[in-house]
């Protein structure tokens, strides 16, 4: 949970007296973490015992009785000033001394210690609490009115927001908070505002080290804060700060007119006494932020390393898949090539077997070579390779038998060729296949060339 939410949760528990943090978180979440509205939803419907619980958890401790004077700052533990915890009074009408309840005429005065709120006076709008927007509007009106009434060159930089928001801002910025309660009718107020609050040294010191919040006692929040702080003399200022236990520490009250030198001295003294505590808080906050930033950087580095590892694994997987696909593709191509080679070899073998069968068939069709005689023709066949083959044929043998003879020899790879005589040049094409050797003029002997058809 963020620090702001933790602060609001702690304040809500302190004000309402509800110890269950989960229940408080649910109530605040239901009101969008609007502390004032969440408190209003509890206090506007709670019985008297709820006010007792709120009083017990109130961050401002009260004086022993309603007539007790405002307590002064006393010495105490570090940071060098005892923080007096001033609680809103629950006055008992019956005259009982001590912390109690005030129930008059059926109207319950409810306490919101962190904001310094008291219930509206009887005859006003009952127990309605000021919403945050109304508190902010009231603060903005006060700032505008102060600037209008005191148009000095230097003025305190009043927070234009409600008391609680200003207090939380002071806590976030590790500053003290000066509360100024404005009483327009008081005769000492104009001189104090012009001469002291608007004094350049005071303004400079406040701007550097304080969050300044102001409110008019004519308005609701300013009036409630005056009751909460028991302001009895004006001009009135109070120096407060938020503590670690979700309470408000009242460090000093400045009542009555003060010259700027004395005002500055008081502010410097209180600030110097609280400076070690503020510095310690700032250092601890910076350490928390640094630790948080370190954790975030470590988480970011871890996520970056994890993403890099995942990206590397993805690349390796993609590379493995690519190599696998390439290997499968190469294997597929190799098998296709082997199958193609096997088919080609098979076709070549079949073709060769067919040629061999044809040669054998044609050799058997030629029959035995005849012996020499007057009706026998000697034929010499020359191949393109220079090889020569000679055989005897009957003169009545046809030209087609010469082709069968050439085919049976197996000396040619080409299937289309023509037998040609040289002198004179005569081509014995398909139109002369039926002529006998004697009719073709090749008897008793002939010399023929094998001419490959183009």
Protein backbone atom coordinates (compact mmCIF):
# COMPACT_ATOMS: atom_id res chain seq x y z
CA UNK A 1 0.00 0.00 0.00
CA UNK A 2 1.31 3.49 -0.86
CA UNK A 3 2.47 5.78 1.95
CA UNK A 4 -0.49 8.15 1.44
CA UNK A 5 -2.97 5.30 1.79
CA UNK A 6 -1.16 4.03 4.89
CA UNK A 7 -1.36 7.50 6.45
CA UNK A 8 -5.07 7.78 5.73
CA UNK A 9 -5.68 4.28 7.10
CA UNK A 10 -3.81 5.14 10.31
CA UNK A 11 -5.68 8.42 10.73
CA UNK A 12 -9.00 6.73 10.06
CA UNK A 13 -8.28 4.08 12.72
CA UNK A 14 -7.15 6.75 15.19
CA UNK A 15 -10.27 8.85 14.64
CA UNK A 16 -12.91 6.12 14.52
CA UNK A 17 -11.37 3.70 17.03
CA UNK A 18 -11.89 0.77 14.63
CA UNK A 19 -8.99 -1.63 15.14
CA UNK A 20 -9.64 -3.98 12.21
CA UNK A 21 -7.41 -2.65 9.37
CA UNK A 22 -9.22 -4.71 6.72
CA UNK A 23 -12.57 -3.21 7.71
CA UNK A 24 -11.09 0.29 7.68
CA UNK A 25 -9.56 -0.36 4.26
CA UNK A 26 -12.91 -1.52 2.90
CA UNK A 27 -14.68 1.60 4.25
CA UNK A 28 -12.04 3.93 2.80
CA UNK A 29 -12.08 2.11 -0.54
CA UNK A 30 -15.88 2.43 -0.67
CA UNK A 31 -15.42 6.22 -0.34
CA UNK A 32 -12.58 6.35 -2.89
CA UNK A 33 -10.09 6.96 -0.03
CA UNK A 34 -11.80 10.25 0.79
CA UNK A 35 -10.92 10.42 4.49
CA UNK A 36 -13.47 13.05 5.45
CA UNK A 37 -16.40 11.37 3.69
CA UNK A 38 -15.42 7.98 5.12
CA UNK A 39 -15.29 9.44 8.64
CA UNK A 40 -18.60 11.18 8.05
CA UNK A 41 -20.20 7.86 7.07
CA UNK A 42 -19.14 6.44 10.46
CA UNK A 43 -19.69 9.39 12.77
CA UNK A 44 -23.04 10.47 11.33
CA UNK A 45 -24.62 7.10 12.11
CA UNK A 46 -22.71 5.90 15.17
CA UNK A 47 -24.15 5.87 18.71
CA UNK A 48 -22.61 7.72 21.62
CA UNK A 49 -20.18 4.89 22.33
CA UNK A 50 -18.54 5.52 18.97
CA UNK A 51 -17.70 9.01 20.10
CA UNK A 52 -16.10 7.54 23.20
CA UNK A 53 -13.96 5.28 21.04
CA UNK A 54 -13.02 8.24 18.85
CA UNK A 55 -12.10 10.24 21.91
CA UNK A 56 -9.90 7.44 23.17
CA UNK A 57 -8.07 7.34 19.84
CA UNK A 58 -8.03 11.12 19.28
CA UNK A 59 -4.60 12.30 18.16
CA UNK A 60 -4.80 15.54 20.24
CA UNK A 61 -4.56 14.78 24.02
CA UNK A 62 -6.73 17.13 26.10
CA UNK A 63 -6.03 19.07 29.25
CA UNK A 64 -7.23 17.56 32.53
CA UNK A 65 -10.34 19.72 32.67
CA UNK A 66 -12.24 22.17 30.54
CA UNK A 67 -10.82 25.06 32.53
CA UNK A 68 -7.19 23.95 32.27
CA UNK A 69 -4.89 26.38 30.43
CA UNK A 70 -3.28 25.49 27.13
CA UNK A 71 -0.25 23.27 27.90
CA UNK A 72 3.20 24.61 27.14
CA UNK A 73 6.10 22.90 25.43
CA UNK A 74 8.28 21.01 27.88
CA UNK A 75 11.61 19.30 27.54
CA UNK A 76 11.53 15.71 26.38
CA UNK A 77 13.29 13.13 24.25
CA UNK A 78 14.82 13.77 20.84
CA UNK A 79 14.45 15.72 18.62
CA UNK A 80 14.90 18.08 21.56
CA UNK A 81 11.35 19.24 22.15
CA UNK A 82 8.54 17.45 23.93
CA UNK A 83 5.62 17.20 21.57
CA UNK A 84 2.44 17.84 23.45
CA UNK A 85 -0.37 15.81 22.08
CA UNK A 86 -3.45 17.99 22.36
CA UNK A 87 -6.80 16.26 22.08
CA UNK A 88 -10.09 17.90 21.23
CA UNK A 89 -12.04 18.26 24.48
CA UNK A 90 -15.10 16.21 25.22
CA UNK A 91 -16.62 18.37 27.91
CA UNK A 92 -18.94 16.76 30.38
CA UNK A 93 -21.80 19.14 31.19
CA UNK A 94 -22.36 17.45 34.52
CA UNK A 95 -19.11 18.93 35.78
CA UNK A 96 -17.05 15.75 35.78
CA UNK A 97 -13.35 16.46 35.60
CA UNK A 98 -11.28 14.78 32.90
CA UNK A 99 -11.87 13.45 29.44
CA UNK A 100 -15.52 12.81 28.76
CA UNK A 101 -18.49 13.31 26.55
CA UNK A 102 -20.64 16.24 25.84
CA UNK A 103 -24.20 15.33 25.09
CA UNK A 104 -26.50 18.32 25.19
CA UNK A 105 -30.01 18.50 23.88
CA UNK A 106 -29.60 15.23 21.97
CA UNK A 107 -26.85 16.72 19.78
CA UNK A 108 -23.59 14.73 19.86
CA UNK A 109 -20.37 16.67 19.39
CA UNK A 110 -18.24 14.31 17.33
CA UNK A 111 -14.53 14.64 17.18
CA UNK A 112 -12.18 14.29 14.28
CA UNK A 113 -8.85 14.88 15.95
CA UNK A 114 -6.64 14.75 12.89
CA UNK A 115 -8.63 17.47 11.18
CA UNK A 116 -9.47 19.32 14.36
CA UNK A 117 -13.15 19.15 13.50
CA UNK A 118 -15.93 19.66 16.03
CA UNK A 119 -19.60 19.22 15.26
CA UNK A 120 -21.41 22.32 14.09
CA UNK A 121 -23.04 24.42 16.83
CA UNK A 122 -26.56 23.60 17.74
CA UNK A 123 -28.98 25.18 15.33
CA UNK A 124 -26.54 24.89 12.42
CA UNK A 125 -26.66 22.12 9.84
CA UNK A 126 -26.48 19.32 12.39
CA UNK A 127 -23.48 17.02 12.20
CA UNK A 128 -22.65 17.48 8.51
CA UNK A 129 -18.91 17.32 7.94
CA UNK A 130 -17.21 19.54 5.40
CA UNK A 131 -16.43 17.55 2.24
CA UNK A 132 -12.95 17.76 0.84
CA UNK A 133 -14.14 19.97 -1.99
CA UNK A 134 -15.75 22.38 0.51
CA UNK A 135 -12.57 22.43 2.63
CA UNK A 136 -10.51 23.18 -0.44
CA UNK A 137 -12.95 25.88 -1.51
CA UNK A 138 -12.82 27.44 1.95
CA UNK A 139 -9.02 27.41 1.90
CA UNK A 140 -9.01 28.97 -1.57
CA UNK A 141 -11.43 31.68 -0.41
CA UNK A 142 -9.19 32.47 2.55
CA UNK A 143 -6.09 32.76 0.36
CA UNK A 144 -7.93 35.06 -2.07
CA UNK A 145 -9.28 37.23 0.78
CA UNK A 146 -5.86 37.49 2.45
CA UNK A 147 -4.18 38.52 -0.79
CA UNK A 148 -6.92 41.10 -1.36
CA UNK A 149 -6.75 42.55 2.15
CA UNK A 150 -2.95 42.51 2.40
CA UNK A 151 -1.53 43.26 -1.07
CA UNK A 152 2.08 43.24 0.11
CA UNK A 153 4.99 42.37 -2.16
CA UNK A 154 5.73 39.36 0.05
CA UNK A 155 3.09 37.15 1.62
CA UNK A 156 3.06 33.70 3.16
CA UNK A 157 2.35 31.01 0.62
CA UNK A 158 -0.84 29.68 2.17
CA UNK A 159 -1.89 26.18 1.12
CA UNK A 160 -5.05 26.41 -0.99
CA UNK A 161 -6.32 23.07 0.32
CA UNK A 162 -7.98 21.57 3.36
CA UNK A 163 -6.15 21.13 6.63
CA UNK A 164 -5.68 17.38 6.25
CA UNK A 165 -4.32 17.64 2.69
CA UNK A 166 -1.94 20.39 3.76
CA UNK A 167 -0.77 18.28 6.71
CA UNK A 168 -0.15 15.27 4.49
CA UNK A 169 1.75 17.47 2.06
CA UNK A 170 3.94 18.76 4.89
CA UNK A 171 4.63 15.19 5.92
CA UNK A 172 5.55 14.21 2.36
CA UNK A 173 7.84 17.22 2.02
CA UNK A 174 9.37 16.70 5.49
CA UNK A 175 8.38 20.16 6.69
CA UNK A 176 6.69 21.57 9.74
CA UNK A 177 3.23 23.11 9.40
CA UNK A 178 2.25 26.57 10.56
CA UNK A 179 -1.46 26.96 11.27
CA UNK A 180 -2.68 30.57 11.21
CA UNK A 181 -6.23 31.27 12.50
CA UNK A 182 -7.51 34.58 11.25
CA UNK A 183 -9.90 36.70 13.31
CA UNK A 184 -10.96 39.62 11.07
CA UNK A 185 -12.55 41.64 13.93
CA UNK A 186 -9.55 41.52 16.26
CA UNK A 187 -7.77 44.90 16.39
CA UNK A 188 -4.27 43.38 16.51
CA UNK A 189 -4.74 41.20 13.43
CA UNK A 190 -4.15 43.76 10.61
CA UNK A 191 -0.88 44.97 12.07
CA UNK A 192 0.28 41.40 12.71
CA UNK A 193 -0.56 40.32 9.15
CA UNK A 194 1.08 43.34 7.54
CA UNK A 195 4.09 43.70 9.79
CA UNK A 196 4.86 40.15 10.85
CA UNK A 197 3.31 37.52 8.55
CA UNK A 198 4.19 39.53 5.45
CA UNK A 199 7.67 40.42 6.69
CA UNK A 200 10.20 39.31 4.04
CA UNK A 201 12.48 37.40 6.48
CA UNK A 202 9.48 35.59 8.01
CA UNK A 203 8.00 34.81 4.59
CA UNK A 204 11.35 33.54 3.29
CA UNK A 205 11.85 31.28 6.32
CA UNK A 206 8.28 29.95 6.15
CA UNK A 207 8.54 29.28 2.40
CA UNK A 208 11.75 27.33 2.89
CA UNK A 209 10.83 25.24 5.92
CA UNK A 210 7.05 25.24 6.48
CA UNK A 211 3.78 24.43 4.86
CA UNK A 212 1.51 27.32 5.87
CA UNK A 213 -2.22 26.76 6.28
CA UNK A 214 -4.64 29.50 7.20
CA UNK A 215 -8.30 29.66 8.02
CA UNK A 216 -10.78 32.24 9.13
CA UNK A 217 -12.65 31.58 12.37
CA UNK A 218 -15.74 32.91 10.60
CA UNK A 219 -15.73 29.86 8.38
CA UNK A 220 -16.53 26.32 9.40
CA UNK A 221 -13.13 24.65 9.19
CA UNK A 222 -11.31 27.63 10.72
CA UNK A 223 -13.83 27.75 13.55
CA UNK A 224 -13.42 24.06 14.27
CA UNK A 225 -9.65 24.34 14.22
CA UNK A 226 -9.82 27.22 16.72
CA UNK A 227 -11.89 24.98 19.04
CA UNK A 228 -9.54 22.06 18.47
CA UNK A 229 -6.45 24.10 19.33
CA UNK A 230 -8.32 26.08 22.04
CA UNK A 231 -7.31 29.42 20.59
CA UNK A 232 -8.11 32.06 23.22
CA UNK A 233 -6.10 35.03 22.02
CA UNK A 234 -5.56 36.46 18.54
CA UNK A 235 -3.58 36.68 16.36
CA UNK A 236 -3.10 32.92 16.80
CA UNK A 237 -0.52 30.58 15.21
CA UNK A 238 0.34 26.98 15.97
CA UNK A 239 3.26 24.87 14.78
CA UNK A 240 2.30 21.23 14.27
CA UNK A 241 3.62 18.16 12.53
CA UNK A 242 2.42 14.65 11.81
CA UNK A 243 4.06 11.90 13.85
CA UNK A 244 4.83 8.30 13.02
CA UNK A 245 1.92 6.97 15.09
CA UNK A 246 -0.61 8.76 12.89
CA UNK A 247 -1.14 11.58 15.41
CA UNK A 248 -0.52 15.29 15.26
CA UNK A 249 2.17 16.79 17.47
CA UNK A 250 1.51 20.34 18.70
CA UNK A 251 4.99 21.81 18.92
CA UNK A 252 4.29 25.42 19.86
CA UNK A 253 1.50 27.99 20.06
CA UNK A 254 2.02 31.67 19.29
CA UNK A 255 -0.78 33.79 20.72
CA UNK A 256 -1.14 37.54 20.51
CA UNK A 257 0.73 40.04 18.36
CA UNK A 258 4.44 39.42 17.87
CA UNK A 259 7.02 41.57 16.11
CA UNK A 260 8.67 39.94 13.10
CA UNK A 261 11.99 39.47 14.89
CA UNK A 262 10.40 37.53 17.76
CA UNK A 263 8.21 35.58 15.35
CA UNK A 264 11.23 34.60 13.29
CA UNK A 265 13.18 33.63 16.43
CA UNK A 266 10.35 31.37 17.61
CA UNK A 267 10.04 29.75 14.20
CA UNK A 268 13.80 29.18 13.97
CA UNK A 269 13.99 27.72 17.48
CA UNK A 270 11.19 25.22 16.90
CA UNK A 271 12.55 24.33 13.47
CA UNK A 272 16.07 23.76 14.81
CA UNK A 273 14.74 21.54 17.59
CA UNK A 274 12.77 19.46 15.08
CA UNK A 275 15.33 19.51 12.26
CA UNK A 276 17.09 16.28 13.34
CA UNK A 277 13.78 14.44 13.32
CA UNK A 278 12.87 15.84 9.89
CA UNK A 279 16.30 15.01 8.52
CA UNK A 280 16.07 11.48 9.90
CA UNK A 281 12.61 11.06 8.37
CA UNK A 282 13.86 12.39 5.04
CA UNK A 283 16.87 10.06 5.07
CA UNK A 284 14.70 7.07 5.96
CA UNK A 285 12.25 7.99 3.20
CA UNK A 286 15.08 8.37 0.70
CA UNK A 287 16.47 5.01 1.80
CA UNK A 288 13.05 3.45 1.30
CA UNK A 289 12.77 5.06 -2.12
CA UNK A 290 16.31 3.99 -3.01
CA UNK A 291 15.60 0.46 -1.82
CA UNK A 292 12.36 0.45 -3.76
CA UNK A 293 14.12 1.83 -6.82
CA UNK A 294 16.88 -0.76 -6.38
CA UNK A 295 14.29 -3.52 -6.13
CA UNK A 296 12.55 -2.17 -9.21
CA UNK A 297 15.86 -1.97 -11.07
CA UNK A 298 16.73 -5.50 -9.96
CA UNK A 299 13.28 -6.69 -11.00
CA UNK A 300 13.67 -4.87 -14.32
CA UNK A 301 17.14 -6.38 -14.80
CA UNK A 302 15.78 -9.82 -13.92
CA UNK A 303 12.89 -9.37 -16.33
CA UNK A 304 15.29 -8.12 -19.01
CA UNK A 305 17.61 -11.10 -18.42
CA UNK A 306 14.63 -13.45 -18.43
CA UNK A 307 13.32 -11.92 -21.65
CA UNK A 308 16.83 -12.14 -23.15
CA UNK A 309 17.06 -15.81 -22.13
CA UNK A 310 13.62 -16.45 -23.55
CA UNK A 311 14.52 -14.60 -26.75
CA UNK A 312 17.75 -16.62 -26.99
CA UNK A 313 15.82 -19.83 -26.42
CA UNK A 314 13.33 -18.76 -29.07
CA UNK A 315 16.19 -18.04 -31.50
CA UNK A 316 17.81 -21.39 -30.72
CA UNK A 317 14.46 -23.13 -31.16
CA UNK A 318 13.86 -21.27 -34.42
CA UNK A 319 17.38 -22.18 -35.57
CA UNK A 320 16.83 -25.81 -34.62
CA UNK A 321 13.50 -25.80 -36.43
CA UNK A 322 15.13 -24.18 -39.47
CA UNK A 323 17.96 -26.71 -39.51
CA UNK A 324 15.44 -29.50 -39.04
CA UNK A 325 13.35 -28.18 -41.92
CA UNK A 326 16.44 -27.82 -44.09
CA UNK A 327 17.56 -31.35 -43.19
CA UNK A 328 14.10 -32.70 -43.97
CA UNK A 329 14.04 -30.78 -47.23
CA UNK A 330 17.52 -32.05 -48.14
CA UNK A 331 16.47 -35.59 -47.24
CA UNK A 332 13.34 -35.21 -49.34
CA UNK A 333 15.34 -33.93 -52.30
CA UNK A 334 17.91 -36.70 -51.86
CA UNK A 335 15.17 -39.31 -51.89
CA UNK A 336 13.58 -37.69 -54.91
CA UNK A 337 16.94 -37.66 -56.70
CA UNK A 338 17.56 -41.28 -55.76
CA UNK A 339 14.10 -42.19 -56.94
CA UNK A 340 14.66 -40.22 -60.16
CA UNK A 341 18.02 -41.92 -60.67
CA UNK A 342 16.46 -45.27 -59.93
CA UNK A 343 13.67 -44.58 -62.41
CA UNK A 344 16.17 -43.38 -65.00
CA UNK A 345 18.33 -46.43 -64.44
CA UNK A 346 15.31 -48.64 -64.61
CA UNK A 347 14.13 -46.96 -67.80
CA UNK A 348 17.64 -47.15 -69.25
CA UNK A 349 17.85 -50.79 -68.33
CA UNK A 350 14.48 -51.46 -69.87
CA UNK A 351 15.47 -49.52 -72.97
CA UNK A 352 18.75 -51.38 -73.19
CA UNK A 353 16.95 -54.65 -72.69
CA UNK A 354 14.49 -53.69 -75.41
CA UNK A 355 17.35 -52.76 -77.76
CA UNK A 356 19.11 -55.99 -76.97
CA UNK A 357 15.97 -57.97 -77.68
CA UNK A 358 15.45 -56.06 -80.92
CA UNK A 359 19.05 -56.66 -81.99
CA UNK A 360 18.70 -60.32 -81.19
CA UNK A 361 15.42 -60.52 -83.04
CA UNK A 362 16.86 -58.74 -86.07
CA UNK A 363 20.01 -60.89 -86.00
CA UNK A 364 17.84 -64.00 -85.90
CA UNK A 365 15.72 -62.58 -88.75
CA UNK A 366 18.84 -62.13 -90.93
CA UNK A 367 19.65 -65.80 -90.68
CA UNK A 368 23.06 -67.31 -91.38
CA UNK A 369 25.58 -65.42 -93.52
CA UNK A 370 25.64 -67.01 -97.02
CA UNK A 371 28.80 -68.33 -98.55
CA UNK A 372 30.48 -66.58 -101.47
CA UNK A 373 28.81 -67.03 -104.81
CA UNK A 374 27.51 -65.21 -107.89
CA UNK A 375 24.25 -64.34 -106.20
CA UNK A 376 25.91 -63.12 -103.04
CA UNK A 377 26.56 -59.45 -102.40
CA UNK A 378 29.35 -58.22 -100.13
CA UNK A 379 28.40 -55.11 -98.16
CA UNK A 380 30.85 -52.94 -96.21
CA UNK A 381 29.31 -50.55 -93.61
CA UNK A 382 31.33 -47.66 -92.23
CA UNK A 383 30.14 -46.02 -88.94
CA UNK A 384 30.71 -42.38 -87.85
CA UNK A 385 33.21 -43.61 -85.28
CA UNK A 386 35.38 -45.06 -88.10
CA UNK A 387 34.45 -48.59 -87.23
CA UNK A 388 33.78 -50.93 -90.17
CA UNK A 389 31.54 -53.96 -90.44
CA UNK A 390 31.26 -56.32 -93.40
CA UNK A 391 28.76 -59.07 -94.27
CA UNK A 392 27.51 -61.07 -97.20
CA UNK A 393 23.87 -61.00 -98.25
CA UNK A 394 21.85 -62.65 -101.00
CA UNK A 395 21.36 -60.25 -103.83
CA UNK A 396 17.62 -60.62 -103.37
CA UNK A 397 17.88 -59.28 -99.81
CA UNK A 398 16.06 -55.95 -99.37
CA UNK A 399 17.58 -52.68 -98.24
CA UNK A 400 15.58 -52.97 -94.99
CA UNK A 401 17.65 -56.06 -94.12
CA UNK A 402 20.77 -53.88 -94.26
CA UNK A 403 19.15 -51.63 -91.65
CA UNK A 404 18.35 -54.70 -89.54
CA UNK A 405 21.96 -55.74 -89.84
CA UNK A 406 23.22 -52.34 -88.66
CA UNK A 407 20.75 -52.39 -85.76
CA UNK A 408 21.83 -55.88 -84.71
CA UNK A 409 25.43 -54.79 -84.40
CA UNK A 410 24.72 -52.36 -81.54
CA UNK A 411 27.36 -49.91 -82.76
CA UNK A 412 25.00 -46.95 -82.81
CA UNK A 413 23.35 -45.13 -79.97
CA UNK A 414 21.18 -43.14 -82.34
CA UNK A 415 17.99 -44.71 -83.54
CA UNK A 416 17.49 -42.51 -86.61
CA UNK A 417 20.10 -42.84 -89.31
CA UNK A 418 20.37 -43.33 -93.07
CA UNK A 419 22.60 -45.54 -95.19
CA UNK A 420 24.35 -43.60 -97.92
CA UNK A 421 26.70 -44.62 -100.78
CA UNK A 422 29.54 -42.25 -101.58
CA UNK A 423 30.30 -42.58 -105.30
CA UNK A 424 27.87 -41.77 -106.61
CA UNK A 425 26.08 -40.40 -103.57
CA UNK A 426 22.86 -42.25 -103.13
CA UNK A 427 20.69 -42.11 -100.08
CA UNK A 428 18.83 -45.25 -99.22
CA UNK A 429 15.98 -43.88 -97.23
CA UNK A 430 12.70 -45.41 -96.22
CA UNK A 431 11.35 -45.07 -99.77
CA UNK A 432 13.99 -47.61 -100.93
CA UNK A 433 13.71 -50.10 -98.09
CA UNK A 434 11.71 -52.53 -100.25
CA UNK A 435 14.28 -52.64 -103.09
CA UNK A 436 16.58 -55.64 -103.31
CA UNK A 437 20.31 -55.15 -103.27
CA UNK A 438 20.47 -56.03 -106.93
CA UNK A 439 17.63 -53.63 -107.80
CA UNK A 440 19.32 -50.86 -105.82
CA UNK A 441 22.57 -51.33 -107.75
CA UNK A 442 24.51 -52.64 -104.78
CA UNK A 443 25.34 -56.08 -106.24
CA UNK A 444 27.87 -57.69 -106.27
CA UNK A 445 29.46 -55.40 -103.64
CA UNK A 446 28.76 -52.09 -102.00
CA UNK A 447 30.30 -49.66 -99.55
CA UNK A 448 27.83 -47.71 -97.43
CA UNK A 449 28.17 -44.98 -94.78
CA UNK A 450 25.98 -44.57 -91.73
CA UNK A 451 24.77 -40.97 -91.65
CA UNK A 452 23.07 -39.87 -88.41
CA UNK A 453 19.86 -37.96 -89.02
CA UNK A 454 19.91 -34.52 -87.53
